[in-house]
C-alpha atoms as a PDB file:
ATOM      1  CA  UNK A   1      50.436  16.767  58.605  1.00  0.00           C
ATOM      2  CA  UNK A   2      52.086  16.022  55.249  1.00  0.00           C
ATOM      3  CA  UNK A   3      54.140  18.533  52.878  1.00  0.00           C
ATOM      4  CA  UNK A   4      52.524  18.964  49.622  1.00  0.00           C
ATOM      5  CA  UNK A   5      55.108  20.186  46.542  1.00  0.00           C
ATOM      6  CA  UNK A   6      52.366  23.316  46.053  1.00  0.00           C
ATOM      7  CA  UNK A   7      52.854  24.784  49.224  1.00  0.00           C
ATOM      8  CA  UNK A   8      53.361  28.400  48.835  1.00  0.00           C
ATOM      9  CA  UNK A   9      54.514  30.534  51.421  1.00  0.00           C
ATOM     10  CA  UNK A  10      53.766  34.306  51.637  1.00  0.00           C
ATOM     11  CA  UNK A  11      56.752  36.798  52.442  1.00  0.00           C
ATOM     12  CA  UNK A  12      54.935  37.505  55.960  1.00  0.00           C
ATOM     13  CA  UNK A  13      55.147  33.242  56.729  1.00  0.00           C
ATOM     14  CA  UNK A  14      59.215  33.593  55.506  1.00  0.00           C
ATOM     15  CA  UNK A  15      59.967  36.010  58.001  1.00  0.00           C
ATOM     16  CA  UNK A  16      57.653  34.894  60.659  1.00  0.00           C
ATOM     17  CA  UNK A  17      59.988  31.550  60.027  1.00  0.00           C
ATOM     18  CA  UNK A  18      63.037  33.481  60.086  1.00  0.00           C
ATOM     19  CA  UNK A  19      62.230  34.696  63.421  1.00  0.00           C
ATOM     20  CA  UNK A  20      61.629  31.544  64.618  1.00  0.00           C
ATOM     21  CA  UNK A  21      64.681  30.567  63.868  1.00  0.00           C
ATOM     22  CA  UNK A  22      66.539  33.157  65.148  1.00  0.00           C
ATOM     23  CA  UNK A  23      64.485  32.170  68.299  1.00  0.00           C
ATOM     24  CA  UNK A  24      65.385  28.523  67.870  1.00  0.00           C
ATOM     25  CA  UNK A  25      69.222  29.711  67.745  1.00  0.00           C
ATOM     26  CA  UNK A  26      69.186  32.190  70.822  1.00  0.00           C
ATOM     27  CA  UNK A  27      67.974  29.169  72.993  1.00  0.00           C
ATOM     28  CA  UNK A  28      71.256  28.296  73.449  1.00  0.00           C
ATOM     29  CA  UNK A  29      73.511  31.039  71.782  1.00  0.00           C
ATOM     30  CA  UNK A  30      73.836  31.750  68.065  1.00  0.00           C
ATOM     31  CA  UNK A  31      76.219  30.010  66.706  1.00  0.00           C
ATOM     32  CA  UNK A  32      78.165  31.214  63.326  1.00  0.00           C
ATOM     33  CA  UNK A  33      76.897  28.171  61.691  1.00  0.00           C
ATOM     34  CA  UNK A  34      73.359  29.039  62.670  1.00  0.00           C
ATOM     35  CA  UNK A  35      74.184  32.823  61.759  1.00  0.00           C
ATOM     36  CA  UNK A  36      75.304  31.884  58.250  1.00  0.00           C
ATOM     37  CA  UNK A  37      72.644  29.565  57.843  1.00  0.00           C
ATOM     38  CA  UNK A  38      70.237  31.787  58.678  1.00  0.00           C
ATOM     39  CA  UNK A  39      71.304  35.034  56.841  1.00  0.00           C
ATOM     40  CA  UNK A  40      71.982  32.854  53.947  1.00  0.00           C
ATOM     41  CA  UNK A  41      68.304  31.679  54.476  1.00  0.00           C
ATOM     42  CA  UNK A  42      66.420  34.674  54.612  1.00  0.00           C
ATOM     43  CA  UNK A  43      68.637  36.948  52.036  1.00  0.00           C
ATOM     44  CA  UNK A  44      67.609  34.144  49.338  1.00  0.00           C
ATOM     45  CA  UNK A  45      63.918  35.031  50.049  1.00  0.00           C
ATOM     46  CA  UNK A  46      64.426  38.840  50.492  1.00  0.00           C
ATOM     47  CA  UNK A  47      65.886  39.008  47.162  1.00  0.00           C
ATOM     48  CA  UNK A  48      62.967  36.343  45.668  1.00  0.00           C
ATOM     49  CA  UNK A  49      60.177  38.152  46.809  1.00  0.00           C
ATOM     50  CA  UNK A  50      61.654  41.781  46.907  1.00  0.00           C
ATOM     51  CA  UNK A  51      61.365  42.094  50.483  1.00  0.00           C
ATOM     52  CA  UNK A  52      62.689  45.826  52.057  1.00  0.00           C
ATOM     53  CA  UNK A  53      63.320  44.080  55.532  1.00  0.00           C
ATOM     54  CA  UNK A  54      67.174  43.405  56.153  1.00  0.00           C
ATOM     55  CA  UNK A  55      67.979  40.724  57.688  1.00  0.00           C
ATOM     56  CA  UNK A  56      69.486  42.585  60.768  1.00  0.00           C
ATOM     57  CA  UNK A  57      65.931  44.390  61.050  1.00  0.00           C
ATOM     58  CA  UNK A  58      63.989  41.002  61.137  1.00  0.00           C
ATOM     59  CA  UNK A  59      65.393  39.416  63.582  1.00  0.00           C
ATOM     60  CA  UNK A  60      65.931  42.454  65.716  1.00  0.00           C
ATOM     61  CA  UNK A  61      61.483  42.288  65.957  1.00  0.00           C
ATOM     62  CA  UNK A  62      60.822  40.302  69.307  1.00  0.00           C
ATOM     63  CA  UNK A  63      59.239  37.155  68.143  1.00  0.00           C
ATOM     64  CA  UNK A  64      55.392  36.574  68.445  1.00  0.00           C
ATOM     65  CA  UNK A  65      54.273  33.131  69.011  1.00  0.00           C
ATOM     66  CA  UNK A  66      50.794  33.776  69.170  1.00  0.00           C
ATOM     67  CA  UNK A  67      50.761  36.035  65.414  1.00  0.00           C
ATOM     68  CA  UNK A  68      52.644  32.524  64.311  1.00  0.00           C
ATOM     69  CA  UNK A  69      50.075  30.588  65.279  1.00  0.00           C
ATOM     70  CA  UNK A  70      47.282  33.092  64.099  1.00  0.00           C
ATOM     71  CA  UNK A  71      49.085  32.867  60.375  1.00  0.00           C
ATOM     72  CA  UNK A  72      50.367  29.469  59.844  1.00  0.00           C
ATOM     73  CA  UNK A  73      47.039  27.425  60.159  1.00  0.00           C
ATOM     74  CA  UNK A  74      47.329  24.932  57.493  1.00  0.00           C
ATOM     75  CA  UNK A  75      49.070  21.954  58.041  1.00  0.00           C
ATOM     76  CA  UNK A  76      51.720  22.144  55.266  1.00  0.00           C
ATOM     77  CA  UNK A  77      52.703  25.944  56.622  1.00  0.00           C
ATOM     78  CA  UNK A  78      53.251  24.150  60.409  1.00  0.00           C
ATOM     79  CA  UNK A  79      55.335  21.828  58.423  1.00  0.00           C
ATOM     80  CA  UNK A  80      57.966  23.941  56.927  1.00  0.00           C
ATOM     81  CA  UNK A  81      58.143  26.589  60.029  1.00  0.00           C
ATOM     82  CA  UNK A  82      59.210  23.171  62.194  1.00  0.00           C
ATOM     83  CA  UNK A  83      60.862  21.414  59.743  1.00  0.00           C
ATOM     84  CA  UNK A  84      62.903  24.880  59.077  1.00  0.00           C
ATOM     85  CA  UNK A  85      63.263  25.120  63.053  1.00  0.00           C
ATOM     86  CA  UNK A  86      64.899  21.822  62.791  1.00  0.00           C
ATOM     87  CA  UNK A  87      67.019  22.218  60.308  1.00  0.00           C
ATOM     88  CA  UNK A  88      68.843  25.462  62.232  1.00  0.00           C
ATOM     89  CA  UNK A  89      68.629  23.701  65.408  1.00  0.00           C
ATOM     90  CA  UNK A  90      70.778  21.085  64.000  1.00  0.00           C
ATOM     91  CA  UNK A  91      73.203  23.203  61.979  1.00  0.00           C
ATOM     92  CA  UNK A  92      75.813  24.018  64.421  1.00  0.00           C
ATOM     93  CA  UNK A  93      76.170  19.928  65.446  1.00  0.00           C
ATOM     94  CA  UNK A  94      74.339  20.180  68.321  1.00  0.00           C
ATOM     95  CA  UNK A  95      70.441  19.593  68.839  1.00  0.00           C
ATOM     96  CA  UNK A  96      70.242  21.102  72.508  1.00  0.00           C
ATOM     97  CA  UNK A  97      67.583  20.424  75.256  1.00  0.00           C
ATOM     98  CA  UNK A  98      67.061  24.438  75.130  1.00  0.00           C
ATOM     99  CA  UNK A  99      66.410  24.026  71.315  1.00  0.00           C
ATOM    100  CA  UNK A 100      64.429  20.668  71.793  1.00  0.00           C
ATOM    101  CA  UNK A 101      61.892  22.634  74.428  1.00  0.00           C
ATOM    102  CA  UNK A 102      61.575  25.699  72.215  1.00  0.00           C
ATOM    103  CA  UNK A 103      60.697  23.551  69.126  1.00  0.00           C
ATOM    104  CA  UNK A 104      58.665  21.466  71.024  1.00  0.00           C
ATOM    105  CA  UNK A 105      56.971  24.741  72.544  1.00  0.00           C
ATOM    106  CA  UNK A 106      56.505  26.085  68.654  1.00  0.00           C
ATOM    107  CA  UNK A 107      54.417  22.683  68.166  1.00  0.00           C
ATOM    108  CA  UNK A 108      52.410  22.522  71.468  1.00  0.00           C
ATOM    109  CA  UNK A 109      51.111  26.456  70.390  1.00  0.00           C
ATOM    110  CA  UNK A 110      50.623  25.331  66.799  1.00  0.00           C
ATOM    111  CA  UNK A 111      48.643  21.986  68.237  1.00  0.00           C
ATOM    112  CA  UNK A 112      51.332  19.520  66.200  1.00  0.00           C
ATOM    113  CA  UNK A 113      50.687  16.441  68.234  1.00  0.00           C
ATOM    114  CA  UNK A 114      53.728  14.749  69.601  1.00  0.00           C
ATOM    115  CA  UNK A 115      54.039  11.501  67.193  1.00  0.00           C
ATOM    116  CA  UNK A 116      53.819  14.100  64.109  1.00  0.00           C
ATOM    117  CA  UNK A 117      56.097  16.404  65.754  1.00  0.00           C
ATOM    118  CA  UNK A 118      58.252  12.534  66.466  1.00  0.00           C
ATOM    119  CA  UNK A 119      58.125  12.194  62.335  1.00  0.00           C
ATOM    120  CA  UNK A 120      58.931  15.831  61.091  1.00  0.00           C
ATOM    121  CA  UNK A 121      62.058  15.369  63.606  1.00  0.00           C
ATOM    122  CA  UNK A 122      62.413  12.137  61.903  1.00  0.00           C
ATOM    123  CA  UNK A 123      62.448  13.283  58.695  1.00  0.00           C
ATOM    124  CA  UNK A 124      64.744  15.876  59.277  1.00  0.00           C
ATOM    125  CA  UNK A 125      67.413  13.580  60.470  1.00  0.00           C
ATOM    126  CA  UNK A 126      67.109  11.368  57.525  1.00  0.00           C
ATOM    127  CA  UNK A 127      67.614  14.513  55.314  1.00  0.00           C
ATOM    128  CA  UNK A 128      70.825  15.571  56.910  1.00  0.00           C
ATOM    129  CA  UNK A 129      72.010  12.024  56.525  1.00  0.00           C
ATOM    130  CA  UNK A 130      71.360  11.524  53.169  1.00  0.00           C
ATOM    131  CA  UNK A 131      73.578  15.104  52.843  1.00  0.00           C
ATOM    132  CA  UNK A 132      76.407  13.462  54.398  1.00  0.00           C
ATOM    133  CA  UNK A 133      75.995  10.270  52.802  1.00  0.00           C
ATOM    134  CA  UNK A 134      78.579  10.718  50.582  1.00  0.00           C
ATOM    135  CA  UNK A 135      81.255  11.440  52.793  1.00  0.00           C
ATOM    136  CA  UNK A 136      83.967   8.581  52.431  1.00  0.00           C
ATOM    137  CA  UNK A 137      85.241   8.709  55.996  1.00  0.00           C
ATOM    138  CA  UNK A 138      82.638   6.287  57.054  1.00  0.00           C
ATOM    139  CA  UNK A 139      84.069   6.465  60.738  1.00  0.00           C
ATOM    140  CA  UNK A 140      83.293  10.186  60.701  1.00  0.00           C
ATOM    141  CA  UNK A 141      80.039   9.732  59.175  1.00  0.00           C
ATOM    142  CA  UNK A 142      78.899   6.712  61.616  1.00  0.00           C
ATOM    143  CA  UNK A 143      79.654   9.156  64.616  1.00  0.00           C
ATOM    144  CA  UNK A 144      77.416  12.095  62.926  1.00  0.00           C
ATOM    145  CA  UNK A 145      74.542   9.774  62.863  1.00  0.00           C
ATOM    146  CA  UNK A 146      74.610   8.809  66.302  1.00  0.00           C
ATOM    147  CA  UNK A 147      75.145  12.276  67.095  1.00  0.00           C
ATOM    148  CA  UNK A 148      71.714  12.936  65.129  1.00  0.00           C
ATOM    149  CA  UNK A 149      69.536  10.806  66.198  1.00  0.00           C
ATOM    150  CA  UNK A 150      71.288  11.020  69.711  1.00  0.00           C
END
């Protein structure tokens, strides 16, 4: 499963991704960094798509994994969902066991093989490391890298 530059997600996909990300955040308690990231992501999508549902209304809706499985059939859609959930899981600096379990359950439901999930996880880790690679404090950078690869 590889991402394509032409992957288009409709509003209902974006809203499902936000609910999935929120479900990941709930796995170990929603942290401020996760809340800020999630709200910012949805509000940006909301403006772009002229969505009527507010962030608070959206995350108040129960997450329905079975509906997500029905709606995310294309490999690029599955990748977008899992990639987004993994970014959110790392937002607080700790990809916890509870979050890992939840991401694994999503991957299992979407029929994403373990080796593909591992590639997606590694891609997210690489992306995050690239984002912080400009940090001049190399000791801190090495510590963060150890935690991400943890």
